[in-house]
Amino acid sequence: MINFKQRKYLEEKFKNWGYSPKTLNLNESFDFVHLINELKSKRCSILMGPSGVGKTTLLNKIIPNLNNATATVSFKIKRGKNTTRNVELFSISNDSYIVDTPGFNLHEIEIPNYYIPQLFPEIFNQLKQNKCRCKFNDCLHLDEPGCVIDKNFERYSFYKELIKGTKNQNYQSQGD
């Protein structure tokens, strides 16, 4: 359980990354009612994240009498157990659905590296707010000439690792 100060720090951090974080305490009925109303206002919402963080536990609270299987975090491997094995779609109102997904533990990304910049709002927002474009359409925002991205953002080193990892992965798979 994190305290108020830690929660505010994390909320601000995710906002700076370009996300709109939502935090809730399931012991506070206002937080839970607000979450359910927000989910019902959307056509489809997806619960996704690492194994063992409580996605299915939350879904069981959202949908009374669902009782999908859950498990505690494994002390042996120090991470969540993959209890949810399939992606499932549930109706939460006449026009709203929620998707439960299996958790993940590894950070292997098997997508072409040119999609990775789209996963970082910090890059998208710079291009949109500054109304600018890099010199080359296939710019990966590393060391290309004519790149207009200010690389001074918190997750840039993580971004570079992802790009370089997928470059190696794509190169290796082409050589097989």
N, C-alpha and C. Protein backbone atom coordinates (compact mmCIF):
# COMPACT_ATOMS: atom_id res chain seq x y z
N MET A 1 0.85 -1.17 0.00
CA MET A 1 0.00 0.00 0.00
C MET A 1 0.90 1.24 0.00
N ILE A 2 0.65 2.15 -0.92
CA ILE A 2 1.46 3.36 -0.96
C ILE A 2 0.72 4.49 -0.25
N ASN A 3 1.50 5.43 0.26
CA ASN A 3 0.89 6.55 0.97
C ASN A 3 0.51 7.67 0.00
N PHE A 4 -0.14 8.68 0.51
CA PHE A 4 -0.64 9.79 -0.30
C PHE A 4 0.48 10.47 -1.08
N LYS A 5 1.59 10.73 -0.42
CA LYS A 5 2.72 11.43 -1.06
C LYS A 5 3.29 10.60 -2.21
N GLN A 6 3.44 9.29 -2.01
CA GLN A 6 3.95 8.41 -3.06
C GLN A 6 2.97 8.37 -4.25
N ARG A 7 1.68 8.29 -3.93
CA ARG A 7 0.67 8.25 -4.98
C ARG A 7 0.71 9.51 -5.83
N LYS A 8 0.79 10.67 -5.18
CA LYS A 8 0.85 11.93 -5.92
C LYS A 8 2.12 12.01 -6.78
N TYR A 9 3.24 11.52 -6.23
CA TYR A 9 4.49 11.51 -7.00
C TYR A 9 4.33 10.67 -8.26
N LEU A 10 3.75 9.47 -8.13
CA LEU A 10 3.57 8.59 -9.29
C LEU A 10 2.57 9.16 -10.29
N GLU A 11 1.49 9.76 -9.79
CA GLU A 11 0.52 10.39 -10.69
C GLU A 11 1.20 11.48 -11.52
N GLU A 12 1.99 12.31 -10.86
CA GLU A 12 2.67 13.40 -11.57
C GLU A 12 3.68 12.86 -12.58
N LYS A 13 4.38 11.82 -12.20
CA LYS A 13 5.36 11.20 -13.09
C LYS A 13 4.68 10.70 -14.37
N PHE A 14 3.56 9.98 -14.22
CA PHE A 14 2.85 9.45 -15.39
C PHE A 14 2.24 10.58 -16.22
N LYS A 15 1.77 11.64 -15.57
CA LYS A 15 1.25 12.79 -16.32
C LYS A 15 2.36 13.41 -17.17
N ASN A 16 3.56 13.51 -16.59
CA ASN A 16 4.69 14.07 -17.35
C ASN A 16 5.06 13.20 -18.53
N TRP A 17 4.78 11.92 -18.44
CA TRP A 17 5.04 11.01 -19.56
C TRP A 17 3.97 11.12 -20.63
N GLY A 18 2.86 11.79 -20.32
CA GLY A 18 1.81 11.97 -21.30
C GLY A 18 0.57 11.11 -21.08
N TYR A 19 0.47 10.47 -19.93
CA TYR A 19 -0.67 9.62 -19.62
C TYR A 19 -1.62 10.32 -18.66
N SER A 20 -2.82 9.80 -18.53
CA SER A 20 -3.80 10.30 -17.56
C SER A 20 -4.05 9.21 -16.53
N PRO A 21 -3.22 9.14 -15.49
CA PRO A 21 -3.34 8.04 -14.53
C PRO A 21 -4.59 8.16 -13.66
N LYS A 22 -5.08 7.01 -13.26
CA LYS A 22 -6.20 6.92 -12.32
C LYS A 22 -5.74 6.05 -11.16
N THR A 23 -5.91 6.55 -9.97
CA THR A 23 -5.58 5.74 -8.79
C THR A 23 -6.85 5.56 -7.98
N LEU A 24 -6.92 4.43 -7.32
CA LEU A 24 -8.08 4.22 -6.48
C LEU A 24 -7.74 3.33 -5.31
N ASN A 25 -8.53 3.49 -4.30
CA ASN A 25 -8.45 2.66 -3.11
C ASN A 25 -9.77 1.91 -3.03
N LEU A 26 -9.72 0.60 -3.19
CA LEU A 26 -10.96 -0.18 -3.22
C LEU A 26 -11.69 -0.16 -1.88
N ASN A 27 -11.03 0.32 -0.84
CA ASN A 27 -11.69 0.46 0.46
C ASN A 27 -12.49 1.76 0.54
N GLU A 28 -12.27 2.65 -0.42
CA GLU A 28 -13.01 3.92 -0.47
C GLU A 28 -14.12 3.78 -1.50
N SER A 29 -15.35 3.74 -1.08
CA SER A 29 -16.47 3.50 -2.00
C SER A 29 -16.56 4.59 -3.07
N PHE A 30 -16.22 5.84 -2.74
CA PHE A 30 -16.29 6.90 -3.74
C PHE A 30 -15.37 6.60 -4.92
N ASP A 31 -14.13 6.19 -4.64
CA ASP A 31 -13.17 5.86 -5.71
C ASP A 31 -13.73 4.77 -6.60
N PHE A 32 -14.29 3.73 -6.00
CA PHE A 32 -14.78 2.58 -6.74
C PHE A 32 -16.01 2.95 -7.58
N VAL A 33 -16.94 3.69 -7.02
CA VAL A 33 -18.14 4.11 -7.75
C VAL A 33 -17.73 5.01 -8.92
N HIS A 34 -16.78 5.90 -8.69
CA HIS A 34 -16.28 6.79 -9.74
C HIS A 34 -15.66 5.95 -10.87
N LEU A 35 -14.88 4.94 -10.54
CA LEU A 35 -14.27 4.08 -11.55
C LEU A 35 -15.34 3.37 -12.37
N ILE A 36 -16.31 2.78 -11.73
CA ILE A 36 -17.37 2.06 -12.45
C ILE A 36 -18.13 3.00 -13.38
N ASN A 37 -18.45 4.20 -12.91
CA ASN A 37 -19.15 5.17 -13.77
C ASN A 37 -18.29 5.55 -14.97
N GLU A 38 -16.99 5.71 -14.75
CA GLU A 38 -16.10 6.05 -15.86
C GLU A 38 -16.03 4.90 -16.86
N LEU A 39 -15.91 3.67 -16.37
CA LEU A 39 -15.87 2.50 -17.27
C LEU A 39 -17.15 2.39 -18.09
N LYS A 40 -18.28 2.65 -17.45
CA LYS A 40 -19.57 2.56 -18.14
C LYS A 40 -19.76 3.68 -19.16
N SER A 41 -19.01 4.77 -19.02
CA SER A 41 -19.12 5.87 -19.97
C SER A 41 -18.31 5.61 -21.24
N LYS A 42 -17.53 4.56 -21.24
CA LYS A 42 -16.70 4.21 -22.40
C LYS A 42 -17.26 2.98 -23.08
N ARG A 43 -17.00 2.86 -24.35
CA ARG A 43 -17.49 1.69 -25.10
C ARG A 43 -16.76 0.43 -24.68
N CYS A 44 -15.44 0.52 -24.54
CA CYS A 44 -14.67 -0.67 -24.18
C CYS A 44 -13.42 -0.24 -23.41
N SER A 45 -13.15 -0.92 -22.31
CA SER A 45 -11.96 -0.67 -21.50
C SER A 45 -11.20 -1.99 -21.36
N ILE A 46 -9.89 -1.89 -21.22
CA ILE A 46 -9.05 -3.08 -21.13
C ILE A 46 -8.26 -3.05 -19.83
N LEU A 47 -8.30 -4.16 -19.09
CA LEU A 47 -7.45 -4.31 -17.91
C LEU A 47 -6.20 -5.05 -18.36
N MET A 48 -5.07 -4.38 -18.29
CA MET A 48 -3.82 -5.02 -18.68
C MET A 48 -2.70 -4.56 -17.80
N GLY A 49 -1.70 -5.41 -17.63
CA GLY A 49 -0.56 -5.08 -16.81
C GLY A 49 0.15 -6.35 -16.38
N PRO A 50 1.18 -6.21 -15.56
CA PRO A 50 1.95 -7.37 -15.12
C PRO A 50 1.09 -8.36 -14.34
N SER A 51 1.53 -9.61 -14.33
CA SER A 51 0.86 -10.63 -13.53
C SER A 51 0.91 -10.25 -12.05
N GLY A 52 -0.19 -10.51 -11.36
CA GLY A 52 -0.21 -10.33 -9.92
C GLY A 52 -0.53 -8.95 -9.41
N VAL A 53 -0.95 -8.03 -10.29
CA VAL A 53 -1.26 -6.68 -9.81
C VAL A 53 -2.72 -6.50 -9.42
N GLY A 54 -3.57 -7.49 -9.70
CA GLY A 54 -4.95 -7.43 -9.26
C GLY A 54 -5.98 -7.11 -10.32
N LYS A 55 -5.64 -7.35 -11.59
CA LYS A 55 -6.60 -7.05 -12.66
C LYS A 55 -7.89 -7.86 -12.49
N THR A 56 -7.76 -9.16 -12.30
CA THR A 56 -8.94 -10.00 -12.17
C THR A 56 -9.64 -9.76 -10.84
N THR A 57 -8.91 -9.46 -9.80
CA THR A 57 -9.52 -9.12 -8.51
C THR A 57 -10.39 -7.88 -8.68
N LEU A 58 -9.88 -6.88 -9.40
CA LEU A 58 -10.66 -5.68 -9.67
C LEU A 58 -11.89 -6.01 -10.51
N LEU A 59 -11.72 -6.84 -11.53
CA LEU A 59 -12.85 -7.23 -12.37
C LEU A 59 -13.92 -7.94 -11.55
N ASN A 60 -13.51 -8.80 -10.63
CA ASN A 60 -14.47 -9.48 -9.76
C ASN A 60 -15.25 -8.50 -8.90
N LYS A 61 -14.64 -7.37 -8.54
CA LYS A 61 -15.35 -6.35 -7.76
C LYS A 61 -16.30 -5.54 -8.65
N ILE A 62 -15.89 -5.33 -9.90
CA ILE A 62 -16.72 -4.55 -10.83
C ILE A 62 -17.97 -5.33 -11.24
N ILE A 63 -17.81 -6.64 -11.46
CA ILE A 63 -18.92 -7.47 -11.90
C ILE A 63 -19.30 -8.42 -10.76
N PRO A 64 -20.36 -8.10 -10.03
CA PRO A 64 -20.76 -8.94 -8.90
C PRO A 64 -21.04 -10.39 -9.34
N ASN A 65 -20.67 -11.34 -8.50
CA ASN A 65 -20.88 -12.77 -8.72
C ASN A 65 -20.04 -13.35 -9.86
N LEU A 66 -19.05 -12.62 -10.37
CA LEU A 66 -18.20 -13.17 -11.43
C LEU A 66 -17.29 -14.27 -10.88
N ASN A 67 -16.56 -13.95 -9.83
CA ASN A 67 -15.70 -14.93 -9.13
C ASN A 67 -14.69 -15.63 -10.03
N ASN A 68 -14.04 -14.90 -10.94
CA ASN A 68 -12.95 -15.49 -11.73
C ASN A 68 -11.78 -15.83 -10.82
N ALA A 69 -11.04 -16.87 -11.18
CA ALA A 69 -9.93 -17.35 -10.35
C ALA A 69 -8.84 -16.30 -10.21
N THR A 70 -8.32 -16.17 -8.99
CA THR A 70 -7.18 -15.30 -8.72
C THR A 70 -6.18 -16.09 -7.88
N ALA A 71 -4.97 -15.57 -7.78
CA ALA A 71 -3.94 -16.22 -6.98
C ALA A 71 -3.05 -15.15 -6.36
N THR A 72 -2.37 -15.52 -5.29
CA THR A 72 -1.45 -14.59 -4.65
C THR A 72 -0.15 -14.54 -5.44
N VAL A 73 0.65 -13.52 -5.17
CA VAL A 73 1.96 -13.41 -5.80
C VAL A 73 2.84 -14.54 -5.28
N SER A 74 3.60 -15.16 -6.17
CA SER A 74 4.46 -16.27 -5.80
C SER A 74 5.67 -15.77 -5.00
N PHE A 75 5.87 -16.33 -3.81
CA PHE A 75 7.04 -15.96 -3.01
C PHE A 75 8.31 -16.53 -3.62
N LYS A 76 8.20 -17.68 -4.27
CA LYS A 76 9.36 -18.35 -4.86
C LYS A 76 9.95 -17.55 -6.02
N ILE A 77 9.10 -17.17 -6.98
CA ILE A 77 9.60 -16.44 -8.15
C ILE A 77 9.45 -14.92 -8.01
N LYS A 78 8.83 -14.48 -6.91
CA LYS A 78 8.67 -13.06 -6.58
C LYS A 78 7.95 -12.26 -7.67
N ARG A 79 6.93 -12.89 -8.26
CA ARG A 79 6.09 -12.19 -9.23
C ARG A 79 4.74 -12.88 -9.29
N GLY A 80 3.83 -12.27 -10.01
CA GLY A 80 2.48 -12.81 -10.11
C GLY A 80 2.43 -14.11 -10.87
N LYS A 81 1.45 -14.92 -10.49
CA LYS A 81 1.20 -16.16 -11.21
C LYS A 81 0.20 -15.86 -12.32
N ASN A 82 0.39 -16.46 -13.47
CA ASN A 82 -0.49 -16.20 -14.61
C ASN A 82 -1.78 -16.99 -14.46
N THR A 83 -2.74 -16.49 -13.67
CA THR A 83 -4.00 -17.18 -13.43
C THR A 83 -4.95 -17.02 -14.61
N THR A 84 -5.03 -15.81 -15.18
CA THR A 84 -5.88 -15.57 -16.35
C THR A 84 -5.12 -16.06 -17.58
N ARG A 85 -5.72 -16.97 -18.32
CA ARG A 85 -5.05 -17.59 -19.47
C ARG A 85 -5.57 -17.11 -20.81
N ASN A 86 -6.77 -16.51 -20.83
CA ASN A 86 -7.39 -16.08 -22.08
C ASN A 86 -7.86 -14.64 -21.96
N VAL A 87 -8.00 -14.00 -23.09
CA VAL A 87 -8.60 -12.68 -23.14
C VAL A 87 -10.11 -12.89 -23.14
N GLU A 88 -10.81 -12.19 -22.23
CA GLU A 88 -12.26 -12.33 -22.14
C GLU A 88 -12.93 -10.96 -22.16
N LEU A 89 -14.05 -10.89 -22.84
CA LEU A 89 -14.85 -9.66 -22.94
C LEU A 89 -16.09 -9.82 -22.07
N PHE A 90 -16.34 -8.80 -21.22
CA PHE A 90 -17.50 -8.82 -20.34
C PHE A 90 -18.32 -7.56 -20.55
N SER A 91 -19.63 -7.70 -20.50
CA SER A 91 -20.53 -6.56 -20.59
C SER A 91 -20.71 -5.97 -19.19
N ILE A 92 -20.54 -4.64 -19.08
CA ILE A 92 -20.77 -4.00 -17.79
C ILE A 92 -21.98 -3.07 -17.82
N SER A 93 -22.52 -2.85 -19.03
CA SER A 93 -23.78 -2.14 -19.21
C SER A 93 -24.25 -2.46 -20.63
N ASN A 94 -25.37 -1.87 -21.04
CA ASN A 94 -25.87 -2.15 -22.38
C ASN A 94 -24.89 -1.78 -23.48
N ASP A 95 -24.11 -0.73 -23.27
CA ASP A 95 -23.22 -0.24 -24.31
C ASP A 95 -21.75 -0.24 -23.91
N SER A 96 -21.40 -0.88 -22.80
CA SER A 96 -20.02 -0.83 -22.31
C SER A 96 -19.49 -2.22 -22.03
N TYR A 97 -18.22 -2.39 -22.38
CA TYR A 97 -17.57 -3.68 -22.19
C TYR A 97 -16.23 -3.47 -21.51
N ILE A 98 -15.78 -4.54 -20.86
CA ILE A 98 -14.46 -4.52 -20.23
C ILE A 98 -13.77 -5.82 -20.62
N VAL A 99 -12.48 -5.71 -20.90
CA VAL A 99 -11.69 -6.86 -21.33
C VAL A 99 -10.70 -7.21 -20.23
N ASP A 100 -10.66 -8.48 -19.87
CA ASP A 100 -9.67 -9.00 -18.92
C ASP A 100 -8.61 -9.70 -19.74
N THR A 101 -7.34 -9.42 -19.46
CA THR A 101 -6.24 -10.00 -20.23
C THR A 101 -5.27 -10.73 -19.31
N PRO A 102 -4.56 -11.72 -19.84
CA PRO A 102 -3.51 -12.36 -19.03
C PRO A 102 -2.42 -11.35 -18.69
N GLY A 103 -1.79 -11.54 -17.56
CA GLY A 103 -0.70 -10.65 -17.18
C GLY A 103 0.56 -10.98 -17.96
N PHE A 104 1.52 -10.10 -17.86
CA PHE A 104 2.80 -10.34 -18.51
C PHE A 104 3.91 -10.05 -17.52
N ASN A 105 5.05 -10.67 -17.73
CA ASN A 105 6.20 -10.49 -16.86
C ASN A 105 7.45 -10.06 -17.61
N LEU A 106 7.54 -10.38 -18.88
CA LEU A 106 8.73 -10.06 -19.65
C LEU A 106 8.47 -8.85 -20.53
N HIS A 107 9.52 -8.12 -20.81
CA HIS A 107 9.38 -6.91 -21.62
C HIS A 107 9.88 -7.15 -23.04
N GLU A 108 9.50 -8.27 -23.63
CA GLU A 108 9.88 -8.53 -25.01
C GLU A 108 8.84 -7.91 -25.92
N ILE A 109 9.30 -7.07 -26.82
CA ILE A 109 8.39 -6.43 -27.75
C ILE A 109 8.70 -6.97 -29.13
N GLU A 110 7.71 -7.55 -29.74
CA GLU A 110 7.90 -8.15 -31.06
C GLU A 110 7.11 -7.37 -32.09
N ILE A 111 7.45 -6.11 -32.23
CA ILE A 111 6.83 -5.27 -33.24
C ILE A 111 7.94 -4.56 -33.99
N PRO A 112 7.68 -4.16 -35.21
CA PRO A 112 8.70 -3.40 -35.95
C PRO A 112 9.08 -2.13 -35.18
N ASN A 113 10.37 -1.80 -35.19
CA ASN A 113 10.84 -0.68 -34.38
C ASN A 113 10.24 0.66 -34.78
N TYR A 114 9.75 0.81 -36.01
CA TYR A 114 9.17 2.09 -36.40
C TYR A 114 7.84 2.38 -35.70
N TYR A 115 7.23 1.38 -35.02
CA TYR A 115 6.01 1.61 -34.24
C TYR A 115 6.32 2.09 -32.83
N ILE A 116 7.51 1.85 -32.34
CA ILE A 116 7.84 2.15 -30.94
C ILE A 116 7.68 3.63 -30.58
N PRO A 117 8.05 4.59 -31.45
CA PRO A 117 7.83 6.00 -31.08
C PRO A 117 6.36 6.31 -30.76
N GLN A 118 5.43 5.57 -31.36
CA GLN A 118 4.01 5.80 -31.11
C GLN A 118 3.60 5.36 -29.70
N LEU A 119 4.45 4.57 -29.04
CA LEU A 119 4.16 4.12 -27.67
C LEU A 119 4.60 5.14 -26.63
N PHE A 120 5.26 6.20 -27.06
CA PHE A 120 5.79 7.21 -26.15
C PHE A 120 5.11 8.55 -26.39
N PRO A 121 4.14 8.91 -25.54
CA PRO A 121 3.46 10.20 -25.71
C PRO A 121 4.43 11.37 -25.69
N GLU A 122 5.59 11.20 -25.04
CA GLU A 122 6.57 12.30 -24.99
C GLU A 122 7.02 12.68 -26.39
N ILE A 123 7.14 11.71 -27.28
CA ILE A 123 7.56 11.97 -28.66
C ILE A 123 6.39 12.53 -29.46
N PHE A 124 5.26 11.84 -29.38
CA PHE A 124 4.07 12.27 -30.11
C PHE A 124 3.69 13.71 -29.76
N ASN A 125 3.70 14.02 -28.46
CA ASN A 125 3.31 15.37 -28.01
C ASN A 125 4.26 16.43 -28.51
N GLN A 126 5.57 16.13 -28.56
CA GLN A 126 6.52 17.12 -29.09
C GLN A 126 6.21 17.44 -30.55
N LEU A 127 5.97 16.41 -31.33
CA LEU A 127 5.69 16.63 -32.75
C LEU A 127 4.38 17.39 -32.94
N LYS A 128 3.38 17.04 -32.15
CA LYS A 128 2.06 17.66 -32.28
C LYS A 128 2.08 19.11 -31.77
N GLN A 129 2.65 19.32 -30.58
CA GLN A 129 2.64 20.66 -29.99
C GLN A 129 3.51 21.63 -30.78
N ASN A 130 4.64 21.16 -31.29
CA ASN A 130 5.55 22.03 -32.03
C ASN A 130 5.19 22.11 -33.51
N LYS A 131 4.19 21.33 -33.91
CA LYS A 131 3.75 21.29 -35.31
C LYS A 131 4.95 21.15 -36.24
N CYS A 132 5.78 20.14 -35.94
CA CYS A 132 6.97 19.94 -36.75
C CYS A 132 7.11 18.47 -37.13
N ARG A 133 8.02 18.23 -38.05
CA ARG A 133 8.30 16.87 -38.51
C ARG A 133 9.80 16.70 -38.66
N CYS A 134 10.22 15.47 -38.44
CA CYS A 134 11.63 15.17 -38.67
C CYS A 134 11.88 15.16 -40.17
N LYS A 135 13.14 15.30 -40.55
CA LYS A 135 13.52 15.36 -41.96
C LYS A 135 13.10 14.10 -42.70
N PHE A 136 13.23 12.93 -42.05
CA PHE A 136 12.90 11.67 -42.69
C PHE A 136 11.66 11.05 -42.03
N ASN A 137 10.75 10.53 -42.84
CA ASN A 137 9.51 9.93 -42.32
C ASN A 137 9.77 8.72 -41.44
N ASP A 138 10.88 8.01 -41.67
CA ASP A 138 11.17 6.80 -40.89
C ASP A 138 12.15 7.09 -39.74
N CYS A 139 12.20 8.34 -39.29
CA CYS A 139 13.09 8.73 -38.20
C CYS A 139 12.74 7.96 -36.94
N LEU A 140 13.74 7.35 -36.32
CA LEU A 140 13.54 6.62 -35.06
C LEU A 140 13.92 7.48 -33.86
N HIS A 141 14.33 8.71 -34.10
CA HIS A 141 14.64 9.68 -33.04
C HIS A 141 15.83 9.24 -32.20
N LEU A 142 16.82 8.70 -32.90
CA LEU A 142 18.07 8.34 -32.23
C LEU A 142 19.11 9.38 -32.62
N ASP A 143 19.89 9.10 -33.66
CA ASP A 143 20.94 10.05 -34.08
C ASP A 143 20.78 10.45 -35.54
N GLU A 144 19.57 10.35 -36.07
CA GLU A 144 19.35 10.66 -37.47
C GLU A 144 19.49 12.16 -37.73
N PRO A 145 20.04 12.53 -38.89
CA PRO A 145 20.10 13.96 -39.22
C PRO A 145 18.68 14.49 -39.45
N GLY A 146 18.44 15.69 -38.98
CA GLY A 146 17.14 16.32 -39.17
C GLY A 146 16.08 15.89 -38.17
N CYS A 147 16.46 15.17 -37.12
CA CYS A 147 15.50 14.78 -36.09
C CYS A 147 15.19 16.01 -35.24
N VAL A 148 13.90 16.28 -35.01
CA VAL A 148 13.50 17.49 -34.28
C VAL A 148 13.11 17.20 -32.83
N ILE A 149 13.22 15.97 -32.40
CA ILE A 149 12.80 15.59 -31.04
C ILE A 149 13.84 16.02 -30.02
N ASP A 150 13.39 16.70 -28.97
CA ASP A 150 14.23 17.01 -27.82
C ASP A 150 14.33 15.73 -27.00
N LYS A 151 15.51 15.15 -26.95
CA LYS A 151 15.71 13.85 -26.31
C LYS A 151 15.91 13.95 -24.80
N ASN A 152 15.67 15.10 -24.26
CA ASN A 152 15.84 15.33 -22.83
C ASN A 152 14.53 15.05 -22.08
N PHE A 153 14.05 13.79 -22.19
CA PHE A 153 12.89 13.40 -21.40
C PHE A 153 13.24 12.14 -20.61
N GLU A 154 12.54 11.95 -19.52
CA GLU A 154 12.92 10.94 -18.52
C GLU A 154 13.09 9.54 -19.09
N ARG A 155 12.23 9.13 -19.99
CA ARG A 155 12.28 7.74 -20.47
C ARG A 155 13.09 7.56 -21.75
N TYR A 156 13.87 8.56 -22.15
CA TYR A 156 14.59 8.46 -23.42
C TYR A 156 15.58 7.29 -23.43
N SER A 157 16.29 7.05 -22.33
CA SER A 157 17.24 5.93 -22.33
C SER A 157 16.50 4.60 -22.47
N PHE A 158 15.33 4.48 -21.86
CA PHE A 158 14.50 3.28 -22.01
C PHE A 158 14.04 3.16 -23.47
N TYR A 159 13.63 4.27 -24.06
CA TYR A 159 13.21 4.30 -25.46
C TYR A 159 14.34 3.78 -26.37
N LYS A 160 15.55 4.30 -26.16
CA LYS A 160 16.69 3.86 -26.98
C LYS A 160 16.93 2.37 -26.85
N GLU A 161 16.83 1.85 -25.62
CA GLU A 161 17.02 0.40 -25.40
C GLU A 161 15.99 -0.40 -26.18
N LEU A 162 14.73 0.05 -26.18
CA LEU A 162 13.69 -0.66 -26.92
C LEU A 162 13.99 -0.66 -28.41
N ILE A 163 14.34 0.51 -28.94
CA ILE A 163 14.63 0.61 -30.38
C ILE A 163 15.81 -0.29 -30.74
N LYS A 164 16.88 -0.20 -29.98
CA LYS A 164 18.06 -1.02 -30.28
C LYS A 164 17.76 -2.50 -30.13
N GLY A 165 16.93 -2.86 -29.14
CA GLY A 165 16.55 -4.26 -28.95
C GLY A 165 15.75 -4.79 -30.12
N THR A 166 14.84 -3.98 -30.65
CA THR A 166 14.04 -4.44 -31.78
C THR A 166 14.86 -4.44 -33.05
N LYS A 167 15.82 -3.52 -33.17
CA LYS A 167 16.70 -3.56 -34.35
C LYS A 167 17.45 -4.88 -34.38
N ASN A 168 18.02 -5.27 -33.22
CA ASN A 168 18.75 -6.54 -33.14
C ASN A 168 17.81 -7.70 -33.39
N GLN A 169 16.63 -7.66 -32.77
CA GLN A 169 15.66 -8.74 -32.92
C GLN A 169 15.21 -8.88 -34.38
N ASN A 170 14.91 -7.74 -35.04
CA ASN A 170 14.50 -7.79 -36.43
C ASN A 170 15.62 -8.29 -37.32
N TYR A 171 16.83 -7.87 -37.04
CA TYR A 171 17.97 -8.30 -37.84
C TYR A 171 18.19 -9.80 -37.69
N GLN A 172 18.11 -10.31 -36.43
CA GLN A 172 18.32 -11.72 -36.18
C GLN A 172 17.23 -12.56 -36.84
N SER A 173 15.98 -12.12 -36.77
CA SER A 173 14.91 -12.92 -37.36
C SER A 173 14.99 -12.95 -38.88
N GLN A 174 15.56 -11.89 -39.50
CA GLN A 174 15.71 -11.90 -40.95
C GLN A 174 16.83 -12.83 -41.37
N GLY A 175 17.78 -13.07 -40.49
CA GLY A 175 18.90 -13.94 -40.83
C GLY A 175 18.60 -15.41 -40.65
N ASP A 176 17.45 -15.76 -40.07
CA ASP A 176 17.12 -17.17 -39.83
C ASP A 176 16.71 -17.90 -41.09
